[in-house]
Amino acid sequence: MNTQKAIFLDLFGTLIHDHGAMDKIDDIRFKDKSIEALKMLQNHGFIAFLSVCRIDMPIPERSYLKDVQNYVLEKLMLNDIENSSIHFISHVLPQCIELHPISLEVIYSLENKHNLNLSSCVLVGDLMKDIRVGEKAGVKTALLSSPDDSPMEVDDEWIEPDMIGDNLYEIANKLVRD
């Protein structure tokens, strides 16, 4: 029986401010209380699956992708978030980069590999296409509605998420109360 709870999110727009294409680590800014949100979720038994890419976005440079993952992991660990509770979906391998945006296939693959209970998992996104993926996968969905760093995409088809919040911390609070 699958028992593990998880949160799925892409870095940009949920954990980190999204101001368009970034190619320097110095440009990375964590959103207010986003690290505290991950720590709260970790303390309540969630593991996090992070993606550094989105569908339909340009592929980042190999060195930048690796640097982003290392930088994020270092910052999270400095804030007492355990390495074992953070998993990157994309991988930098010697021969290639395996980019995996959060998708239905990725969620199902992670379900089997990590013993996930999908009904106890949540996909947090800043775009309606994120919510569509979560709904199809059978996980809870949470939409971040803060306009401070919206990528200016227009979503024509509204799907009601399970919860809406201004930031990841607000969503984490709702999740741990449930």
N, C-alpha and C. Protein backbone atom coordinates (compact mmCIF):
# COMPACT_ATOMS: atom_id res chain seq x y z
N MET A 1 0.84 -1.19 0.00
CA MET A 1 0.00 0.00 0.00
C MET A 1 0.87 1.25 0.00
N ASN A 2 0.57 2.19 -0.88
CA ASN A 2 1.33 3.43 -0.96
C ASN A 2 0.96 4.35 0.20
N THR A 3 1.99 4.92 0.84
CA THR A 3 1.74 5.71 2.05
C THR A 3 2.37 7.09 2.04
N GLN A 4 3.35 7.33 1.20
CA GLN A 4 4.12 8.58 1.25
C GLN A 4 3.34 9.76 0.68
N LYS A 5 3.43 10.92 1.37
CA LYS A 5 2.84 12.17 0.88
C LYS A 5 3.92 12.96 0.16
N ALA A 6 3.51 13.70 -0.87
CA ALA A 6 4.47 14.49 -1.64
C ALA A 6 3.85 15.77 -2.14
N ILE A 7 4.73 16.70 -2.44
CA ILE A 7 4.33 17.94 -3.10
C ILE A 7 5.15 18.03 -4.39
N PHE A 8 4.47 18.38 -5.47
CA PHE A 8 5.12 18.55 -6.78
C PHE A 8 5.08 20.03 -7.13
N LEU A 9 6.22 20.59 -7.54
CA LEU A 9 6.21 21.97 -7.99
C LEU A 9 7.40 22.25 -8.88
N ASP A 10 7.23 23.20 -9.78
CA ASP A 10 8.39 23.66 -10.50
C ASP A 10 8.97 24.81 -9.68
N LEU A 11 10.24 25.02 -9.84
CA LEU A 11 10.90 26.03 -9.01
C LEU A 11 10.40 27.44 -9.29
N PHE A 12 10.33 27.76 -10.57
CA PHE A 12 10.08 29.15 -10.95
C PHE A 12 8.59 29.48 -10.92
N GLY A 13 8.25 30.48 -10.12
CA GLY A 13 6.87 30.89 -9.96
C GLY A 13 6.21 30.32 -8.72
N THR A 14 6.83 29.32 -8.11
CA THR A 14 6.27 28.73 -6.90
C THR A 14 7.23 28.87 -5.72
N LEU A 15 8.46 28.42 -5.89
CA LEU A 15 9.47 28.50 -4.84
C LEU A 15 10.38 29.71 -5.05
N ILE A 16 10.63 30.02 -6.30
CA ILE A 16 11.53 31.10 -6.69
C ILE A 16 10.76 32.08 -7.57
N HIS A 17 11.07 33.36 -7.44
CA HIS A 17 10.43 34.37 -8.29
C HIS A 17 10.74 34.08 -9.75
N ASP A 18 9.73 34.25 -10.58
CA ASP A 18 9.85 34.00 -12.01
C ASP A 18 9.78 35.34 -12.74
N HIS A 19 10.92 35.79 -13.22
CA HIS A 19 10.97 37.05 -13.96
C HIS A 19 11.48 36.82 -15.37
N GLY A 20 11.04 35.72 -15.95
CA GLY A 20 11.46 35.41 -17.31
C GLY A 20 12.72 34.56 -17.31
N ALA A 21 13.39 34.53 -18.44
CA ALA A 21 14.59 33.70 -18.58
C ALA A 21 15.69 34.20 -17.66
N MET A 22 16.25 33.28 -16.90
CA MET A 22 17.36 33.63 -16.02
C MET A 22 18.54 32.74 -16.39
N ASP A 23 19.71 33.33 -16.38
CA ASP A 23 20.89 32.53 -16.69
C ASP A 23 22.02 32.73 -15.70
N LYS A 24 21.74 33.43 -14.59
CA LYS A 24 22.74 33.65 -13.56
C LYS A 24 22.17 33.25 -12.21
N ILE A 25 22.98 32.55 -11.44
CA ILE A 25 22.55 32.13 -10.10
C ILE A 25 22.25 33.36 -9.25
N ASP A 26 22.96 34.44 -9.48
CA ASP A 26 22.73 35.68 -8.70
C ASP A 26 21.32 36.23 -8.89
N ASP A 27 20.63 35.81 -9.96
CA ASP A 27 19.27 36.29 -10.22
C ASP A 27 18.21 35.54 -9.42
N ILE A 28 18.59 34.44 -8.79
CA ILE A 28 17.61 33.61 -8.08
C ILE A 28 17.22 34.28 -6.77
N ARG A 29 15.92 34.44 -6.58
CA ARG A 29 15.35 34.99 -5.35
C ARG A 29 14.21 34.09 -4.91
N PHE A 30 14.37 33.52 -3.72
CA PHE A 30 13.30 32.69 -3.17
C PHE A 30 12.12 33.58 -2.82
N LYS A 31 10.94 33.08 -3.06
CA LYS A 31 9.72 33.82 -2.71
C LYS A 31 9.59 33.85 -1.19
N ASP A 32 8.95 34.90 -0.69
CA ASP A 32 8.79 35.06 0.75
C ASP A 32 8.21 33.81 1.39
N LYS A 33 8.87 33.36 2.41
CA LYS A 33 8.47 32.22 3.25
C LYS A 33 8.35 30.89 2.50
N SER A 34 8.90 30.82 1.28
CA SER A 34 8.80 29.56 0.54
C SER A 34 9.67 28.47 1.17
N ILE A 35 10.83 28.84 1.68
CA ILE A 35 11.68 27.85 2.34
C ILE A 35 11.01 27.37 3.63
N GLU A 36 10.42 28.30 4.37
CA GLU A 36 9.70 27.93 5.59
C GLU A 36 8.54 26.99 5.26
N ALA A 37 7.91 27.21 4.12
CA ALA A 37 6.80 26.35 3.70
C ALA A 37 7.28 24.92 3.47
N LEU A 38 8.41 24.77 2.77
CA LEU A 38 8.94 23.43 2.53
C LEU A 38 9.34 22.76 3.84
N LYS A 39 9.89 23.54 4.76
CA LYS A 39 10.27 22.97 6.06
C LYS A 39 9.02 22.49 6.82
N MET A 40 7.97 23.29 6.80
CA MET A 40 6.72 22.91 7.46
C MET A 40 6.18 21.61 6.85
N LEU A 41 6.20 21.53 5.53
CA LEU A 41 5.70 20.34 4.86
C LEU A 41 6.57 19.12 5.19
N GLN A 42 7.88 19.31 5.21
CA GLN A 42 8.79 18.22 5.59
C GLN A 42 8.46 17.73 7.00
N ASN A 43 8.22 18.66 7.92
CA ASN A 43 7.91 18.30 9.30
C ASN A 43 6.57 17.58 9.44
N HIS A 44 5.76 17.66 8.40
CA HIS A 44 4.47 16.96 8.40
C HIS A 44 4.48 15.76 7.45
N GLY A 45 5.67 15.28 7.12
CA GLY A 45 5.80 14.03 6.38
C GLY A 45 5.77 14.11 4.87
N PHE A 46 5.83 15.30 4.30
CA PHE A 46 5.85 15.45 2.83
C PHE A 46 7.28 15.40 2.31
N ILE A 47 7.45 14.80 1.14
CA ILE A 47 8.68 14.96 0.39
C ILE A 47 8.36 15.86 -0.80
N ALA A 48 9.36 16.54 -1.31
CA ALA A 48 9.14 17.50 -2.40
C ALA A 48 9.84 17.03 -3.67
N PHE A 49 9.11 17.14 -4.78
CA PHE A 49 9.66 16.87 -6.10
C PHE A 49 9.68 18.18 -6.86
N LEU A 50 10.89 18.61 -7.23
CA LEU A 50 11.09 19.92 -7.86
C LEU A 50 11.52 19.76 -9.30
N SER A 51 10.93 20.56 -10.16
CA SER A 51 11.32 20.60 -11.56
C SER A 51 11.91 21.97 -11.86
N VAL A 52 12.95 22.00 -12.66
CA VAL A 52 13.55 23.27 -13.04
C VAL A 52 13.19 23.65 -14.47
N CYS A 53 12.19 23.00 -15.02
CA CYS A 53 11.78 23.35 -16.37
C CYS A 53 10.27 23.25 -16.49
N ARG A 54 9.78 23.87 -17.53
CA ARG A 54 8.36 23.83 -17.85
C ARG A 54 8.19 23.36 -19.28
N ILE A 55 7.03 22.80 -19.53
CA ILE A 55 6.70 22.44 -20.91
C ILE A 55 6.69 23.73 -21.73
N ASP A 56 7.19 23.68 -22.92
CA ASP A 56 7.20 24.80 -23.87
C ASP A 56 8.19 25.90 -23.52
N MET A 57 9.14 25.65 -22.62
CA MET A 57 10.15 26.64 -22.28
C MET A 57 11.48 26.20 -22.87
N PRO A 58 12.38 27.15 -23.16
CA PRO A 58 13.69 26.77 -23.70
C PRO A 58 14.47 25.92 -22.69
N ILE A 59 15.28 25.01 -23.20
CA ILE A 59 16.11 24.16 -22.34
C ILE A 59 17.26 25.01 -21.79
N PRO A 60 17.42 25.01 -20.45
CA PRO A 60 18.53 25.77 -19.88
C PRO A 60 19.88 25.14 -20.20
N GLU A 61 20.93 25.93 -20.12
CA GLU A 61 22.28 25.42 -20.33
C GLU A 61 22.59 24.37 -19.27
N ARG A 62 23.36 23.37 -19.65
CA ARG A 62 23.74 22.28 -18.75
C ARG A 62 24.35 22.80 -17.44
N SER A 63 25.30 23.70 -17.53
CA SER A 63 25.97 24.20 -16.32
C SER A 63 25.01 24.99 -15.45
N TYR A 64 24.09 25.74 -16.07
CA TYR A 64 23.13 26.52 -15.30
C TYR A 64 22.16 25.60 -14.56
N LEU A 65 21.68 24.57 -15.23
CA LEU A 65 20.77 23.63 -14.60
C LEU A 65 21.41 22.99 -13.37
N LYS A 66 22.64 22.53 -13.51
CA LYS A 66 23.36 21.92 -12.39
C LYS A 66 23.58 22.94 -11.28
N ASP A 67 23.97 24.15 -11.64
CA ASP A 67 24.19 25.21 -10.64
C ASP A 67 22.91 25.56 -9.89
N VAL A 68 21.79 25.62 -10.61
CA VAL A 68 20.51 25.93 -9.97
C VAL A 68 20.16 24.85 -8.95
N GLN A 69 20.28 23.61 -9.36
CA GLN A 69 19.96 22.52 -8.44
C GLN A 69 20.86 22.55 -7.21
N ASN A 70 22.15 22.74 -7.41
CA ASN A 70 23.09 22.80 -6.28
C ASN A 70 22.79 23.98 -5.37
N TYR A 71 22.52 25.14 -5.96
CA TYR A 71 22.23 26.34 -5.19
C TYR A 71 20.96 26.17 -4.35
N VAL A 72 19.91 25.67 -4.97
CA VAL A 72 18.64 25.47 -4.26
C VAL A 72 18.81 24.46 -3.14
N LEU A 73 19.44 23.34 -3.43
CA LEU A 73 19.65 22.32 -2.42
C LEU A 73 20.48 22.85 -1.25
N GLU A 74 21.52 23.61 -1.56
CA GLU A 74 22.36 24.19 -0.50
C GLU A 74 21.55 25.14 0.38
N LYS A 75 20.74 26.00 -0.23
CA LYS A 75 19.93 26.95 0.54
C LYS A 75 18.91 26.22 1.41
N LEU A 76 18.30 25.18 0.87
CA LEU A 76 17.31 24.43 1.63
C LEU A 76 17.96 23.70 2.80
N MET A 77 19.12 23.09 2.56
CA MET A 77 19.80 22.37 3.63
C MET A 77 20.30 23.33 4.72
N LEU A 78 20.70 24.53 4.35
CA LEU A 78 21.10 25.54 5.34
C LEU A 78 19.93 25.95 6.23
N ASN A 79 18.72 25.68 5.76
CA ASN A 79 17.52 26.00 6.53
C ASN A 79 16.88 24.73 7.12
N ASP A 80 17.72 23.73 7.37
CA ASP A 80 17.31 22.50 8.05
C ASP A 80 16.29 21.66 7.28
N ILE A 81 16.32 21.76 5.98
CA ILE A 81 15.51 20.87 5.17
C ILE A 81 16.41 19.71 4.76
N GLU A 82 15.99 18.51 5.07
CA GLU A 82 16.81 17.34 4.83
C GLU A 82 16.93 17.03 3.35
N ASN A 83 18.13 16.65 2.96
CA ASN A 83 18.40 16.28 1.57
C ASN A 83 17.47 15.16 1.12
N SER A 84 17.13 14.25 2.01
CA SER A 84 16.29 13.11 1.65
C SER A 84 14.84 13.50 1.37
N SER A 85 14.44 14.70 1.75
CA SER A 85 13.05 15.11 1.49
C SER A 85 12.92 15.98 0.24
N ILE A 86 14.03 16.20 -0.48
CA ILE A 86 14.02 17.00 -1.71
C ILE A 86 14.51 16.12 -2.87
N HIS A 87 13.73 16.07 -3.93
CA HIS A 87 14.10 15.30 -5.11
C HIS A 87 13.92 16.17 -6.35
N PHE A 88 14.96 16.26 -7.16
CA PHE A 88 14.85 16.97 -8.43
C PHE A 88 14.36 16.00 -9.49
N ILE A 89 13.44 16.46 -10.30
CA ILE A 89 12.88 15.63 -11.37
C ILE A 89 13.84 15.59 -12.56
N SER A 90 14.52 16.70 -12.82
CA SER A 90 15.48 16.77 -13.93
C SER A 90 16.86 16.40 -13.40
N HIS A 91 17.66 15.78 -14.28
CA HIS A 91 18.98 15.32 -13.87
C HIS A 91 20.01 15.73 -14.90
N VAL A 92 21.20 16.11 -14.41
CA VAL A 92 22.32 16.42 -15.28
C VAL A 92 23.24 15.21 -15.23
N LEU A 93 23.33 14.52 -16.36
CA LEU A 93 24.16 13.33 -16.47
C LEU A 93 25.38 13.67 -17.32
N PRO A 94 26.44 12.88 -17.23
CA PRO A 94 27.64 13.19 -18.03
C PRO A 94 27.35 13.30 -19.53
N GLN A 95 26.46 12.44 -20.05
CA GLN A 95 26.20 12.43 -21.50
C GLN A 95 25.08 13.37 -21.92
N CYS A 96 24.18 13.70 -21.00
CA CYS A 96 23.01 14.46 -21.43
C CYS A 96 22.31 15.10 -20.23
N ILE A 97 21.31 15.90 -20.54
CA ILE A 97 20.43 16.46 -19.53
C ILE A 97 19.09 15.78 -19.69
N GLU A 98 18.56 15.24 -18.60
CA GLU A 98 17.22 14.67 -18.62
C GLU A 98 16.27 15.70 -18.02
N LEU A 99 15.56 16.40 -18.89
CA LEU A 99 14.61 17.40 -18.42
C LEU A 99 13.23 16.79 -18.32
N HIS A 100 12.62 16.97 -17.17
CA HIS A 100 11.30 16.42 -16.96
C HIS A 100 10.40 17.46 -16.30
N PRO A 101 9.60 18.16 -17.08
CA PRO A 101 8.61 19.01 -16.45
C PRO A 101 7.61 18.13 -15.72
N ILE A 102 6.91 18.68 -14.78
CA ILE A 102 5.91 17.90 -14.05
C ILE A 102 4.79 17.56 -15.04
N SER A 103 4.60 16.27 -15.23
CA SER A 103 3.59 15.79 -16.17
C SER A 103 2.91 14.57 -15.56
N LEU A 104 1.86 14.12 -16.21
CA LEU A 104 1.14 12.95 -15.76
C LEU A 104 2.08 11.74 -15.70
N GLU A 105 2.87 11.55 -16.73
CA GLU A 105 3.79 10.41 -16.79
C GLU A 105 4.81 10.47 -15.66
N VAL A 106 5.35 11.66 -15.39
CA VAL A 106 6.34 11.82 -14.32
C VAL A 106 5.71 11.51 -12.96
N ILE A 107 4.51 12.01 -12.73
CA ILE A 107 3.85 11.75 -11.44
C ILE A 107 3.61 10.26 -11.25
N TYR A 108 3.14 9.57 -12.28
CA TYR A 108 2.90 8.13 -12.16
C TYR A 108 4.21 7.37 -11.94
N SER A 109 5.26 7.78 -12.59
CA SER A 109 6.56 7.14 -12.41
C SER A 109 7.06 7.33 -10.97
N LEU A 110 6.91 8.55 -10.45
CA LEU A 110 7.34 8.83 -9.08
C LEU A 110 6.46 8.11 -8.06
N GLU A 111 5.19 7.93 -8.40
CA GLU A 111 4.28 7.20 -7.50
C GLU A 111 4.83 5.81 -7.23
N ASN A 112 5.23 5.11 -8.25
CA ASN A 112 5.74 3.75 -8.09
C ASN A 112 7.11 3.73 -7.44
N LYS A 113 7.98 4.62 -7.87
CA LYS A 113 9.36 4.63 -7.38
C LYS A 113 9.45 5.01 -5.90
N HIS A 114 8.57 5.91 -5.44
CA HIS A 114 8.66 6.44 -4.07
C HIS A 114 7.50 6.03 -3.17
N ASN A 115 6.71 5.08 -3.60
CA ASN A 115 5.60 4.58 -2.78
C ASN A 115 4.63 5.71 -2.39
N LEU A 116 4.28 6.55 -3.37
CA LEU A 116 3.43 7.71 -3.10
C LEU A 116 1.95 7.32 -3.03
N ASN A 117 1.26 7.92 -2.11
CA ASN A 117 -0.19 7.84 -2.02
C ASN A 117 -0.73 9.09 -2.72
N LEU A 118 -1.11 8.97 -3.98
CA LEU A 118 -1.48 10.15 -4.76
C LEU A 118 -2.61 10.96 -4.14
N SER A 119 -3.51 10.32 -3.42
CA SER A 119 -4.60 11.08 -2.80
C SER A 119 -4.09 11.96 -1.64
N SER A 120 -2.85 11.72 -1.19
CA SER A 120 -2.24 12.54 -0.14
C SER A 120 -1.18 13.48 -0.71
N CYS A 121 -1.10 13.56 -2.02
CA CYS A 121 -0.11 14.42 -2.68
C CYS A 121 -0.78 15.66 -3.23
N VAL A 122 0.03 16.69 -3.49
CA VAL A 122 -0.49 17.94 -4.03
C VAL A 122 0.47 18.50 -5.07
N LEU A 123 -0.09 19.00 -6.14
CA LEU A 123 0.69 19.71 -7.15
C LEU A 123 0.40 21.20 -6.97
N VAL A 124 1.45 21.97 -6.72
CA VAL A 124 1.31 23.41 -6.56
C VAL A 124 1.83 24.06 -7.83
N GLY A 125 1.01 24.91 -8.42
CA GLY A 125 1.42 25.57 -9.66
C GLY A 125 0.97 27.00 -9.71
N ASP A 126 1.57 27.73 -10.62
CA ASP A 126 1.21 29.13 -10.82
C ASP A 126 0.49 29.34 -12.15
N LEU A 127 0.23 28.24 -12.86
CA LEU A 127 -0.47 28.31 -14.15
C LEU A 127 -1.59 27.27 -14.18
N MET A 128 -2.60 27.54 -14.95
CA MET A 128 -3.72 26.61 -15.05
C MET A 128 -3.29 25.28 -15.65
N LYS A 129 -2.29 25.28 -16.53
CA LYS A 129 -1.84 24.00 -17.08
C LYS A 129 -1.25 23.11 -16.00
N ASP A 130 -0.68 23.70 -14.94
CA ASP A 130 -0.22 22.91 -13.80
C ASP A 130 -1.40 22.23 -13.12
N ILE A 131 -2.47 22.97 -12.93
CA ILE A 131 -3.66 22.45 -12.27
C ILE A 131 -4.27 21.31 -13.10
N ARG A 132 -4.26 21.46 -14.42
CA ARG A 132 -4.78 20.41 -15.30
C ARG A 132 -4.01 19.10 -15.10
N VAL A 133 -2.69 19.19 -15.01
CA VAL A 133 -1.87 17.99 -14.81
C VAL A 133 -2.22 17.34 -13.48
N GLY A 134 -2.31 18.13 -12.42
CA GLY A 134 -2.64 17.58 -11.12
C GLY A 134 -4.00 16.92 -11.08
N GLU A 135 -4.97 17.55 -11.72
CA GLU A 135 -6.32 16.98 -11.76
C GLU A 135 -6.32 15.64 -12.48
N LYS A 136 -5.63 15.56 -13.62
CA LYS A 136 -5.58 14.31 -14.38
C LYS A 136 -4.87 13.20 -13.59
N ALA A 137 -3.88 13.58 -12.78
CA ALA A 137 -3.11 12.60 -12.01
C ALA A 137 -3.84 12.14 -10.75
N GLY A 138 -4.88 12.85 -10.37
CA GLY A 138 -5.62 12.47 -9.18
C GLY A 138 -5.00 12.95 -7.87
N VAL A 139 -4.20 14.02 -7.97
CA VAL A 139 -3.63 14.62 -6.76
C VAL A 139 -4.37 15.90 -6.44
N LYS A 140 -4.25 16.38 -5.21
CA LYS A 140 -4.82 17.68 -4.87
C LYS A 140 -4.09 18.73 -5.67
N THR A 141 -4.77 19.84 -5.93
CA THR A 141 -4.16 20.92 -6.69
C THR A 141 -4.24 22.22 -5.91
N ALA A 142 -3.19 23.01 -6.04
CA ALA A 142 -3.13 24.31 -5.38
C ALA A 142 -2.59 25.33 -6.38
N LEU A 143 -3.33 26.41 -6.55
CA LEU A 143 -2.95 27.46 -7.49
C LEU A 143 -2.43 28.66 -6.72
N LEU A 144 -1.24 29.11 -7.08
CA LEU A 144 -0.70 30.34 -6.51
C LEU A 144 -1.24 31.49 -7.34
N SER A 145 -1.87 32.43 -6.67
CA SER A 145 -2.56 33.49 -7.40
C SER A 145 -1.85 34.83 -7.33
N SER A 146 -0.67 34.87 -6.76
CA SER A 146 0.03 36.14 -6.61
C SER A 146 0.43 36.70 -7.97
N PRO A 147 0.06 37.94 -8.24
CA PRO A 147 0.41 38.54 -9.53
C PRO A 147 1.82 39.12 -9.57
N ASP A 148 2.59 39.03 -8.47
CA ASP A 148 3.89 39.71 -8.41
C ASP A 148 4.90 39.20 -9.41
N ASP A 149 4.78 37.97 -9.86
CA ASP A 149 5.75 37.47 -10.83
C ASP A 149 5.10 36.55 -11.85
N SER A 150 3.88 36.83 -12.18
CA SER A 150 3.18 36.02 -13.17
C SER A 150 3.91 36.07 -14.51
N PRO A 151 4.04 34.91 -15.17
CA PRO A 151 4.71 34.90 -16.46
C PRO A 151 3.86 35.46 -17.59
N MET A 152 2.72 36.02 -17.27
CA MET A 152 1.85 36.68 -18.24
C MET A 152 1.24 35.73 -19.26
N GLU A 153 1.09 34.48 -18.87
CA GLU A 153 0.40 33.53 -19.73
C GLU A 153 -1.09 33.64 -19.50
N VAL A 154 -1.84 33.50 -20.55
CA VAL A 154 -3.29 33.55 -20.44
C VAL A 154 -3.80 32.11 -20.48
N ASP A 155 -4.55 31.74 -19.45
CA ASP A 155 -5.17 30.43 -19.39
C ASP A 155 -6.64 30.60 -19.71
N ASP A 156 -7.07 30.03 -20.82
CA ASP A 156 -8.45 30.19 -21.25
C ASP A 156 -9.43 29.30 -20.50
N GLU A 157 -9.01 28.10 -20.17
CA GLU A 157 -9.93 27.13 -19.58
C GLU A 157 -9.67 27.01 -18.08
N TRP A 158 -10.57 27.59 -17.28
CA TRP A 158 -10.44 27.55 -15.83
C TRP A 158 -10.85 26.18 -15.31
N ILE A 159 -10.03 25.63 -14.46
CA ILE A 159 -10.34 24.40 -13.73
C ILE A 159 -10.21 24.77 -12.26
N GLU A 160 -11.22 24.47 -11.48
CA GLU A 160 -11.21 24.84 -10.07
C GLU A 160 -10.17 24.02 -9.31
N PRO A 161 -9.15 24.68 -8.76
CA PRO A 161 -8.17 23.94 -7.96
C PRO A 161 -8.77 23.60 -6.59
N ASP A 162 -8.14 22.67 -5.90
CA ASP A 162 -8.61 22.31 -4.56
C ASP A 162 -8.38 23.45 -3.57
N MET A 163 -7.34 24.24 -3.81
CA MET A 163 -7.08 25.40 -2.96
C MET A 163 -6.35 26.46 -3.75
N ILE A 164 -6.50 27.69 -3.28
CA ILE A 164 -5.84 28.84 -3.90
C ILE A 164 -5.16 29.61 -2.78
N GLY A 165 -3.95 30.09 -3.04
CA GLY A 165 -3.24 30.88 -2.05
C GLY A 165 -2.33 31.88 -2.73
N ASP A 166 -1.95 32.89 -1.97
CA ASP A 166 -1.05 33.91 -2.51
C ASP A 166 0.39 33.44 -2.60
N ASN A 167 0.76 32.44 -1.77
CA ASN A 167 2.14 31.97 -1.75
C ASN A 167 2.19 30.53 -1.24
N LEU A 168 3.36 29.94 -1.34
CA LEU A 168 3.54 28.55 -0.95
C LEU A 168 3.33 28.36 0.55
N TYR A 169 3.68 29.34 1.35
CA TYR A 169 3.50 29.25 2.80
C TYR A 169 2.02 29.15 3.16
N GLU A 170 1.21 29.93 2.49
CA GLU A 170 -0.24 29.87 2.73
C GLU A 170 -0.80 28.50 2.34
N ILE A 171 -0.34 27.97 1.23
CA ILE A 171 -0.77 26.64 0.79
C ILE A 171 -0.32 25.58 1.80
N ALA A 172 0.93 25.65 2.25
CA ALA A 172 1.45 24.69 3.23
C ALA A 172 0.63 24.70 4.50
N ASN A 173 0.26 25.89 4.97
CA ASN A 173 -0.58 25.98 6.16
C ASN A 173 -1.91 25.27 5.97
N LYS A 174 -2.52 25.46 4.80
CA LYS A 174 -3.79 24.78 4.51
C LYS A 174 -3.61 23.27 4.48
N LEU A 175 -2.50 22.81 3.89
CA LEU A 175 -2.27 21.38 3.78
C LEU A 175 -2.05 20.72 5.14
N VAL A 176 -1.30 21.35 6.01
CA VAL A 176 -1.02 20.72 7.31
C VAL A 176 -2.22 20.79 8.24
N ARG A 177 -3.13 21.72 8.02
CA ARG A 177 -4.36 21.79 8.81
C ARG A 177 -5.32 20.68 8.43
N ASP A 178 -5.27 20.24 7.16
CA ASP A 178 -6.21 19.20 6.71
C ASP A 178 -5.87 17.90 7.34
